[in-house]
Amino acid sequence: RPMHGNEIRIVDEAGSDLPVGEPGEILTRGPERFLGYLDK
């Protein structure tokens, strides 16, 4: 399960949340998430 402070969403190609149990792209955020890429 997500570590303390982390969150997960499972979304479809349009970025909409999917029901529990449905596979989709994993989105994450939380205190450990990076700031961004060097190449903006």
All heavy atoms as atom14 arrays in JSON, in Angstrom:
{
  "sequence": "RPMHGNEIRIVDEAGSDLPVGEPGEILTRGPERFLGYLDK",
  "atom14_mask": [
    [1, 1, 1, 1, 1, 1, 1, 1, 1, 1, 1, 0, 0, 0],
    [1, 1, 1, 1, 1, 1, 1, 0, 0, 0, 0, 0, 0, 0],
    [1, 1, 1, 1, 1, 1, 1, 1, 0, 0, 0, 0, 0, 0],
    [1, 1, 1, 1, 1, 1, 1, 1, 1, 1, 0, 0, 0, 0],
    [1, 1, 1, 1, 0, 0, 0, 0, 0, 0, 0, 0, 0, 0],
    [1, 1, 1, 1, 1, 1, 1, 1, 0, 0, 0, 0, 0, 0],
    [1, 1, 1, 1, 1, 1, 1, 1, 1, 0, 0, 0, 0, 0],
    [1, 1, 1, 1, 1, 1, 1, 1, 0, 0, 0, 0, 0, 0],
    [1, 1, 1, 1, 1, 1, 1, 1, 1, 1, 1, 0, 0, 0],
    [1, 1, 1, 1, 1, 1, 1, 1, 0, 0, 0, 0, 0, 0],
    [1, 1, 1, 1, 1, 1, 1, 0, 0, 0, 0, 0, 0, 0],
    [1, 1, 1, 1, 1, 1, 1, 1, 0, 0, 0, 0, 0, 0],
    [1, 1, 1, 1, 1, 1, 1, 1, 1, 0, 0, 0, 0, 0],
    [1, 1, 1, 1, 1, 0, 0, 0, 0, 0, 0, 0, 0, 0],
    [1, 1, 1, 1, 0, 0, 0, 0, 0, 0, 0, 0, 0, 0],
    [1, 1, 1, 1, 1, 1, 0, 0, 0, 0, 0, 0, 0, 0],
    [1, 1, 1, 1, 1, 1, 1, 1, 0, 0, 0, 0, 0, 0],
    [1, 1, 1, 1, 1, 1, 1, 1, 0, 0, 0, 0, 0, 0],
    [1, 1, 1, 1, 1, 1, 1, 0, 0, 0, 0, 0, 0, 0],
    [1, 1, 1, 1, 1, 1, 1, 0, 0, 0, 0, 0, 0, 0],
    [1, 1, 1, 1, 0, 0, 0, 0, 0, 0, 0, 0, 0, 0],
    [1, 1, 1, 1, 1, 1, 1, 1, 1, 0, 0, 0, 0, 0],
    [1, 1, 1, 1, 1, 1, 1, 0, 0, 0, 0, 0, 0, 0],
    [1, 1, 1, 1, 0, 0, 0, 0, 0, 0, 0, 0, 0, 0],
    [1, 1, 1, 1, 1, 1, 1, 1, 1, 0, 0, 0, 0, 0],
    [1, 1, 1, 1, 1, 1, 1, 1, 0, 0, 0, 0, 0, 0],
    [1, 1, 1, 1, 1, 1, 1, 1, 0, 0, 0, 0, 0, 0],
    [1, 1, 1, 1, 1, 1, 1, 0, 0, 0, 0, 0, 0, 0],
    [1, 1, 1, 1, 1, 1, 1, 1, 1, 1, 1, 0, 0, 0],
    [1, 1, 1, 1, 0, 0, 0, 0, 0, 0, 0, 0, 0, 0],
    [1, 1, 1, 1, 1, 1, 1, 0, 0, 0, 0, 0, 0, 0],
    [1, 1, 1, 1, 1, 1, 1, 1, 1, 0, 0, 0, 0, 0],
    [1, 1, 1, 1, 1, 1, 1, 1, 1, 1, 1, 0, 0, 0],
    [1, 1, 1, 1, 1, 1, 1, 1, 1, 1, 1, 0, 0, 0],
    [1, 1, 1, 1, 1, 1, 1, 1, 0, 0, 0, 0, 0, 0],
    [1, 1, 1, 1, 0, 0, 0, 0, 0, 0, 0, 0, 0, 0],
    [1, 1, 1, 1, 1, 1, 1, 1, 1, 1, 1, 1, 0, 0],
    [1, 1, 1, 1, 1, 1, 1, 1, 0, 0, 0, 0, 0, 0],
    [1, 1, 1, 1, 1, 1, 1, 1, 0, 0, 0, 0, 0, 0],
    [1, 1, 1, 1, 1, 1, 1, 1, 1, 0, 0, 0, 0, 0]
  ],
  "atom14_positions": [
    [[0.84, -1.2, 0.0], [0.0, 0.0, 0.0], [0.88, 1.25, 0.0], [2.07, 1.18, 0.28], [-0.92, -0.02, 1.23], [-2.06, -1.0, 1.1], [-2.96, -1.0, 2.32], [-2.37, -1.73, 3.43], [-3.06, -2.25, 4.44], [-4.38, -2.11, 4.46], [-2.46, -2.89, 5.42], [0.0, 0.0, 0.0], [0.0, 0.0, 0.0], [0.0, 0.0, 0.0]],
    [[0.29, 2.42, -0.31], [1.09, 3.64, -0.37], [1.82, 3.92, 0.95], [1.26, 3.73, 2.03], [0.05, 4.73, -0.66], [-1.04, 4.01, -1.4], [-1.1, 2.65, -0.76], [0.0, 0.0, 0.0], [0.0, 0.0, 0.0], [0.0, 0.0, 0.0], [0.0, 0.0, 0.0], [0.0, 0.0, 0.0], [0.0, 0.0, 0.0], [0.0, 0.0, 0.0]],
    [[3.07, 4.37, 0.82], [3.85, 4.78, 1.99], [3.21, 6.03, 2.59], [2.43, 6.74, 1.95], [5.29, 5.08, 1.58], [6.04, 3.86, 1.08], [6.63, 2.8, 2.4], [8.14, 3.67, 2.86], [0.0, 0.0, 0.0], [0.0, 0.0, 0.0], [0.0, 0.0, 0.0], [0.0, 0.0, 0.0], [0.0, 0.0, 0.0], [0.0, 0.0, 0.0]],
    [[3.59, 6.35, 3.81], [3.02, 7.48, 4.54], [3.08, 8.76, 3.72], [4.15, 9.17, 3.26], [3.76, 7.69, 5.86], [3.24, 8.85, 6.65], [2.02, 8.82, 7.29], [3.76, 10.09, 6.89], [1.82, 9.97, 7.9], [2.85, 10.76, 7.67], [0.0, 0.0, 0.0], [0.0, 0.0, 0.0], [0.0, 0.0, 0.0], [0.0, 0.0, 0.0]],
    [[1.93, 9.39, 3.51], [1.86, 10.65, 2.78], [1.68, 10.51, 1.28], [1.36, 11.49, 0.6], [0.0, 0.0, 0.0], [0.0, 0.0, 0.0], [0.0, 0.0, 0.0], [0.0, 0.0, 0.0], [0.0, 0.0, 0.0], [0.0, 0.0, 0.0], [0.0, 0.0, 0.0], [0.0, 0.0, 0.0], [0.0, 0.0, 0.0], [0.0, 0.0, 0.0]],
    [[1.88, 9.32, 0.75], [1.76, 9.12, -0.69], [0.32, 8.8, -1.1], [-0.44, 8.22, -0.32], [2.68, 7.99, -1.17], [4.13, 8.39, -1.17], [4.46, 9.58, -1.23], [5.03, 7.42, -1.11], [0.0, 0.0, 0.0], [0.0, 0.0, 0.0], [0.0, 0.0, 0.0], [0.0, 0.0, 0.0], [0.0, 0.0, 0.0], [0.0, 0.0, 0.0]],
    [[0.0, 9.16, -2.34], [-1.33, 8.9, -2.89], [-1.19, 8.27, -4.27], [-0.21, 8.53, -4.98], [-2.13, 10.19, -3.03], [-2.35, 10.94, -1.73], [-3.0, 12.29, -1.99], [-4.25, 12.34, -2.09], [-2.26, 13.29, -2.13], [0.0, 0.0, 0.0], [0.0, 0.0, 0.0], [0.0, 0.0, 0.0], [0.0, 0.0, 0.0], [0.0, 0.0, 0.0]],
    [[-2.19, 7.46, -4.64], [-2.21, 6.8, -5.95], [-3.59, 7.0, -6.59], [-4.62, 6.92, -5.9], [-1.94, 5.29, -5.82], [-0.47, 5.05, -5.44], [-2.26, 4.55, -7.11], [-0.14, 3.59, -5.25], [0.0, 0.0, 0.0], [0.0, 0.0, 0.0], [0.0, 0.0, 0.0], [0.0, 0.0, 0.0], [0.0, 0.0, 0.0], [0.0, 0.0, 0.0]],
    [[-3.57, 7.25, -7.88], [-4.79, 7.21, -8.68], [-4.57, 6.26, -9.85], [-3.45, 6.15, -10.36], [-5.14, 8.6, -9.23], [-5.64, 9.58, -8.21], [-5.77, 10.98, -8.82], [-6.68, 10.99, -9.98], [-6.68, 11.97, -10.9], [-5.83, 12.98, -10.83], [-7.54, 11.91, -11.9], [0.0, 0.0, 0.0], [0.0, 0.0, 0.0], [0.0, 0.0, 0.0]],
    [[-5.63, 5.59, -10.29], [-5.59, 4.75, -11.48], [-6.53, 5.41, -12.49], [-7.72, 5.58, -12.23], [-6.06, 3.31, -11.18], [-5.25, 2.71, -10.01], [-5.93, 2.46, -12.44], [-3.77, 2.54, -10.28], [0.0, 0.0, 0.0], [0.0, 0.0, 0.0], [0.0, 0.0, 0.0], [0.0, 0.0, 0.0], [0.0, 0.0, 0.0], [0.0, 0.0, 0.0]],
    [[-5.97, 5.77, -13.66], [-6.77, 6.55, -14.62], [-6.74, 5.91, -16.01], [-5.85, 5.11, -16.33], [-6.25, 8.0, -14.73], [-6.3, 8.69, -13.36], [-4.83, 8.04, -15.29], [0.0, 0.0, 0.0], [0.0, 0.0, 0.0], [0.0, 0.0, 0.0], [0.0, 0.0, 0.0], [0.0, 0.0, 0.0], [0.0, 0.0, 0.0], [0.0, 0.0, 0.0]],
    [[-7.72, 6.31, -16.82], [-7.77, 5.84, -18.21], [-6.98, 6.79, -19.1], [-6.33, 7.72, -18.62], [-9.22, 5.7, -18.67], [-10.0, 7.03, -18.62], [-9.36, 8.11, -18.59], [-11.24, 6.98, -18.63], [0.0, 0.0, 0.0], [0.0, 0.0, 0.0], [0.0, 0.0, 0.0], [0.0, 0.0, 0.0], [0.0, 0.0, 0.0], [0.0, 0.0, 0.0]],
    [[-7.06, 6.59, -20.41], [-6.28, 7.4, -21.35], [-6.64, 8.88, -21.28], [-5.83, 9.74, -21.58], [-6.48, 6.88, -22.77], [-5.85, 5.51, -23.04], [-4.34, 5.54, -23.02], [-3.76, 6.63, -23.27], [-3.72, 4.5, -22.74], [0.0, 0.0, 0.0], [0.0, 0.0, 0.0], [0.0, 0.0, 0.0], [0.0, 0.0, 0.0], [0.0, 0.0, 0.0]],
    [[-7.87, 9.18, -20.87], [-8.3, 10.57, -20.78], [-7.97, 11.21, -19.44], [-8.25, 12.39, -19.22], [-9.81, 10.64, -21.03], [0.0, 0.0, 0.0], [0.0, 0.0, 0.0], [0.0, 0.0, 0.0], [0.0, 0.0, 0.0], [0.0, 0.0, 0.0], [0.0, 0.0, 0.0], [0.0, 0.0, 0.0], [0.0, 0.0, 0.0], [0.0, 0.0, 0.0]],
    [[-7.37, 10.43, -18.53], [-7.02, 10.96, -17.22], [-8.15, 10.89, -16.22], [-8.06, 11.48, -15.13], [0.0, 0.0, 0.0], [0.0, 0.0, 0.0], [0.0, 0.0, 0.0], [0.0, 0.0, 0.0], [0.0, 0.0, 0.0], [0.0, 0.0, 0.0], [0.0, 0.0, 0.0], [0.0, 0.0, 0.0], [0.0, 0.0, 0.0], [0.0, 0.0, 0.0]],
    [[-9.21, 10.14, -16.52], [-10.34, 9.99, -15.61], [-10.13, 8.79, -14.7], [-9.61, 7.75, -15.13], [-11.64, 9.81, -16.41], [-11.88, 10.93, -17.23], [0.0, 0.0, 0.0], [0.0, 0.0, 0.0], [0.0, 0.0, 0.0], [0.0, 0.0, 0.0], [0.0, 0.0, 0.0], [0.0, 0.0, 0.0], [0.0, 0.0, 0.0], [0.0, 0.0, 0.0]],
    [[-10.55, 8.92, -13.44], [-10.36, 7.84, -12.47], [-11.18, 6.62, -12.83], [-12.33, 6.72, -13.29], [-10.75, 8.33, -11.08], [-9.78, 9.36, -10.54], [-8.68, 8.97, -10.13], [-10.11, 10.57, -10.57], [0.0, 0.0, 0.0], [0.0, 0.0, 0.0], [0.0, 0.0, 0.0], [0.0, 0.0, 0.0], [0.0, 0.0, 0.0], [0.0, 0.0, 0.0]],
    [[-10.57, 5.46, -12.62], [-11.23, 4.18, -12.89], [-11.72, 3.54, -11.6], [-11.17, 3.79, -10.51], [-10.25, 3.24, -13.6], [-9.87, 3.63, -15.03], [-8.66, 2.84, -15.5], [-11.05, 3.42, -15.97], [0.0, 0.0, 0.0], [0.0, 0.0, 0.0], [0.0, 0.0, 0.0], [0.0, 0.0, 0.0], [0.0, 0.0, 0.0], [0.0, 0.0, 0.0]],
    [[-12.73, 2.69, -11.67], [-13.23, 2.01, -10.47], [-12.18, 1.07, -9.88], [-11.26, 0.63, -10.57], [-14.44, 1.2, -11.0], [-14.77, 1.81, -12.32], [-13.5, 2.34, -12.88], [0.0, 0.0, 0.0], [0.0, 0.0, 0.0], [0.0, 0.0, 0.0], [0.0, 0.0, 0.0], [0.0, 0.0, 0.0], [0.0, 0.0, 0.0], [0.0, 0.0, 0.0]],
    [[-12.34, 0.76, -8.61], [-11.44, -0.18, -7.92], [-11.43, -1.5, -8.69], [-12.49, -2.02, -9.08], [-11.92, -0.41, -6.48], [-11.14, -1.57, -5.84], [-11.76, 0.85, -5.66], [0.0, 0.0, 0.0], [0.0, 0.0, 0.0], [0.0, 0.0, 0.0], [0.0, 0.0, 0.0], [0.0, 0.0, 0.0], [0.0, 0.0, 0.0], [0.0, 0.0, 0.0]],
    [[-10.23, -2.03, -8.92], [-10.09, -3.29, -9.62], [-9.86, -3.16, -11.1], [-9.46, -4.12, -11.76], [0.0, 0.0, 0.0], [0.0, 0.0, 0.0], [0.0, 0.0, 0.0], [0.0, 0.0, 0.0], [0.0, 0.0, 0.0], [0.0, 0.0, 0.0], [0.0, 0.0, 0.0], [0.0, 0.0, 0.0], [0.0, 0.0, 0.0], [0.0, 0.0, 0.0]],
    [[-10.11, -1.95, -11.69], [-9.91, -1.75, -13.12], [-8.47, -1.3, -13.37], [-7.97, -0.39, -12.7], [-10.87, -0.68, -13.65], [-12.31, -1.14, -13.76], [-12.49, -2.19, -14.85], [-11.88, -2.05, -15.92], [-13.24, -3.16, -14.61], [0.0, 0.0, 0.0], [0.0, 0.0, 0.0], [0.0, 0.0, 0.0], [0.0, 0.0, 0.0], [0.0, 0.0, 0.0]],
    [[-7.76, -1.91, -14.35], [-6.38, -1.5, -14.62], [-6.32, -0.2, -15.43], [-7.16, 0.06, -16.29], [-5.81, -2.67, -15.43], [-7.0, -3.28, -16.09], [-8.16, -3.07, -15.16], [0.0, 0.0, 0.0], [0.0, 0.0, 0.0], [0.0, 0.0, 0.0], [0.0, 0.0, 0.0], [0.0, 0.0, 0.0], [0.0, 0.0, 0.0], [0.0, 0.0, 0.0]],
    [[-5.33, 0.61, -15.14], [-5.11, 1.85, -15.86], [-3.74, 2.39, -15.51], [-2.95, 1.76, -14.79], [0.0, 0.0, 0.0], [0.0, 0.0, 0.0], [0.0, 0.0, 0.0], [0.0, 0.0, 0.0], [0.0, 0.0, 0.0], [0.0, 0.0, 0.0], [0.0, 0.0, 0.0], [0.0, 0.0, 0.0], [0.0, 0.0, 0.0], [0.0, 0.0, 0.0]],
    [[-3.41, 3.58, -16.03], [-2.1, 4.16, -15.73], [-2.04, 4.6, -14.27], [-3.01, 5.14, -13.72], [-1.8, 5.36, -16.62], [-0.4, 5.92, -16.37], [0.03, 7.02, -17.31], [-0.81, 7.48, -18.11], [1.21, 7.42, -17.24], [0.0, 0.0, 0.0], [0.0, 0.0, 0.0], [0.0, 0.0, 0.0], [0.0, 0.0, 0.0], [0.0, 0.0, 0.0]],
    [[-0.88, 4.37, -13.64], [-0.68, 4.71, -12.23], [-0.18, 6.15, -12.14], [0.84, 6.5, -12.73], [0.33, 3.76, -11.59], [-0.15, 2.31, -11.69], [0.57, 4.14, -10.13], [0.93, 1.28, -11.36], [0.0, 0.0, 0.0], [0.0, 0.0, 0.0], [0.0, 0.0, 0.0], [0.0, 0.0, 0.0], [0.0, 0.0, 0.0], [0.0, 0.0, 0.0]],
    [[-0.92, 6.97, -11.39], [-0.49, 8.33, -11.07], [-0.12, 8.39, -9.6], [-0.78, 7.75, -8.77], [-1.62, 9.33, -11.33], [-2.3, 9.35, -12.7], [-3.31, 10.51, -12.75], [-1.29, 9.48, -13.82], [0.0, 0.0, 0.0], [0.0, 0.0, 0.0], [0.0, 0.0, 0.0], [0.0, 0.0, 0.0], [0.0, 0.0, 0.0], [0.0, 0.0, 0.0]],
    [[0.92, 9.15, -9.27], [1.35, 9.23, -7.87], [1.64, 10.68, -7.48], [1.95, 11.52, -8.33], [2.63, 8.41, -7.62], [3.75, 9.05, -8.26], [2.5, 6.99, -8.12], [0.0, 0.0, 0.0], [0.0, 0.0, 0.0], [0.0, 0.0, 0.0], [0.0, 0.0, 0.0], [0.0, 0.0, 0.0], [0.0, 0.0, 0.0], [0.0, 0.0, 0.0]],
    [[1.52, 10.95, -6.2], [2.02, 12.21, -5.64], [2.27, 11.98, -4.16], [1.76, 11.04, -3.55], [1.06, 13.37, -5.88], [-0.23, 13.34, -5.1], [-1.06, 14.58, -5.39], [-2.32, 14.55, -4.64], [-3.29, 15.46, -4.77], [-3.15, 16.46, -5.64], [-4.39, 15.37, -4.05], [0.0, 0.0, 0.0], [0.0, 0.0, 0.0], [0.0, 0.0, 0.0]],
    [[3.07, 12.87, -3.57], [3.41, 12.72, -2.16], [4.68, 13.49, -1.85], [5.31, 14.08, -2.75], [0.0, 0.0, 0.0], [0.0, 0.0, 0.0], [0.0, 0.0, 0.0], [0.0, 0.0, 0.0], [0.0, 0.0, 0.0], [0.0, 0.0, 0.0], [0.0, 0.0, 0.0], [0.0, 0.0, 0.0], [0.0, 0.0, 0.0], [0.0, 0.0, 0.0]],
    [[5.11, 13.5, -0.59], [6.27, 14.3, -0.18], [7.58, 13.87, -0.83], [8.52, 14.67, -0.89], [6.31, 14.09, 1.34], [5.52, 12.85, 1.6], [4.48, 12.82, 0.54], [0.0, 0.0, 0.0], [0.0, 0.0, 0.0], [0.0, 0.0, 0.0], [0.0, 0.0, 0.0], [0.0, 0.0, 0.0], [0.0, 0.0, 0.0], [0.0, 0.0, 0.0]],
    [[7.66, 12.63, -1.32], [8.91, 12.13, -1.91], [8.98, 12.38, -3.41], [10.03, 12.16, -4.03], [9.04, 10.63, -1.67], [8.85, 10.21, -0.24], [8.48, 8.74, -0.14], [8.96, 7.95, -0.98], [7.72, 8.38, 0.77], [0.0, 0.0, 0.0], [0.0, 0.0, 0.0], [0.0, 0.0, 0.0], [0.0, 0.0, 0.0], [0.0, 0.0, 0.0]],
    [[7.87, 12.81, -4.01], [7.84, 12.98, -5.46], [8.83, 14.06, -5.9], [8.98, 15.08, -5.24], [6.43, 13.38, -5.89], [6.12, 13.15, -7.36], [5.23, 14.27, -7.89], [5.96, 15.52, -7.97], [5.38, 16.72, -8.04], [4.08, 16.82, -8.0], [6.11, 17.81, -8.11], [0.0, 0.0, 0.0], [0.0, 0.0, 0.0], [0.0, 0.0, 0.0]],
    [[9.52, 13.8, -7.01], [10.56, 14.72, -7.48], [9.99, 16.08, -7.86], [8.78, 16.27, -8.01], [11.32, 14.1, -8.64], [10.6, 14.05, -9.98], [11.24, 14.47, -11.14], [9.3, 13.55, -10.09], [10.59, 14.4, -12.37], [8.66, 13.48, -11.32], [9.3, 13.91, -12.46], [0.0, 0.0, 0.0], [0.0, 0.0, 0.0], [0.0, 0.0, 0.0]],
    [[10.88, 17.06, -8.04], [10.47, 18.42, -8.36], [10.11, 18.58, -9.82], [9.31, 19.45, -10.19], [11.6, 19.4, -8.01], [12.11, 19.37, -6.56], [13.27, 20.33, -6.39], [10.99, 19.7, -5.59], [0.0, 0.0, 0.0], [0.0, 0.0, 0.0], [0.0, 0.0, 0.0], [0.0, 0.0, 0.0], [0.0, 0.0, 0.0], [0.0, 0.0, 0.0]],
    [[10.72, 17.77, -10.67], [10.52, 17.86, -12.11], [11.81, 17.44, -12.8], [12.78, 17.03, -12.16], [0.0, 0.0, 0.0], [0.0, 0.0, 0.0], [0.0, 0.0, 0.0], [0.0, 0.0, 0.0], [0.0, 0.0, 0.0], [0.0, 0.0, 0.0], [0.0, 0.0, 0.0], [0.0, 0.0, 0.0], [0.0, 0.0, 0.0], [0.0, 0.0, 0.0]],
    [[11.81, 17.53, -14.13], [12.99, 17.15, -14.9], [13.86, 18.36, -15.2], [13.39, 19.51, -15.22], [12.57, 16.5, -16.22], [11.92, 15.14, -16.06], [10.56, 14.96, -16.29], [12.68, 14.04, -15.66], [9.96, 13.72, -16.14], [12.09, 12.79, -15.51], [10.73, 12.63, -15.75], [10.15, 11.4, -15.59], [0.0, 0.0, 0.0], [0.0, 0.0, 0.0]],
    [[15.14, 18.08, -15.43], [16.06, 19.14, -15.82], [15.61, 19.77, -17.13], [15.65, 20.99, -17.29], [17.48, 18.56, -15.96], [18.58, 19.52, -16.37], [18.75, 20.64, -15.34], [19.9, 18.77, -16.56], [0.0, 0.0, 0.0], [0.0, 0.0, 0.0], [0.0, 0.0, 0.0], [0.0, 0.0, 0.0], [0.0, 0.0, 0.0], [0.0, 0.0, 0.0]],
    [[15.19, 18.94, -18.05], [14.61, 19.41, -19.31], [13.13, 19.69, -19.05], [12.31, 18.78, -18.99], [14.78, 18.35, -20.4], [14.21, 18.78, -21.74], [13.55, 19.83, -21.81], [14.43, 18.05, -22.74], [0.0, 0.0, 0.0], [0.0, 0.0, 0.0], [0.0, 0.0, 0.0], [0.0, 0.0, 0.0], [0.0, 0.0, 0.0], [0.0, 0.0, 0.0]],
    [[12.78, 20.96, -18.89], [11.43, 21.33, -18.5], [10.37, 20.92, -19.53], [9.19, 20.8, -19.19], [11.35, 22.84, -18.23], [12.17, 23.29, -17.04], [11.8, 22.49, -15.8], [12.68, 22.82, -14.61], [12.44, 21.89, -13.47], [0.0, 0.0, 0.0], [0.0, 0.0, 0.0], [0.0, 0.0, 0.0], [0.0, 0.0, 0.0], [0.0, 0.0, 0.0]]
  ]
}
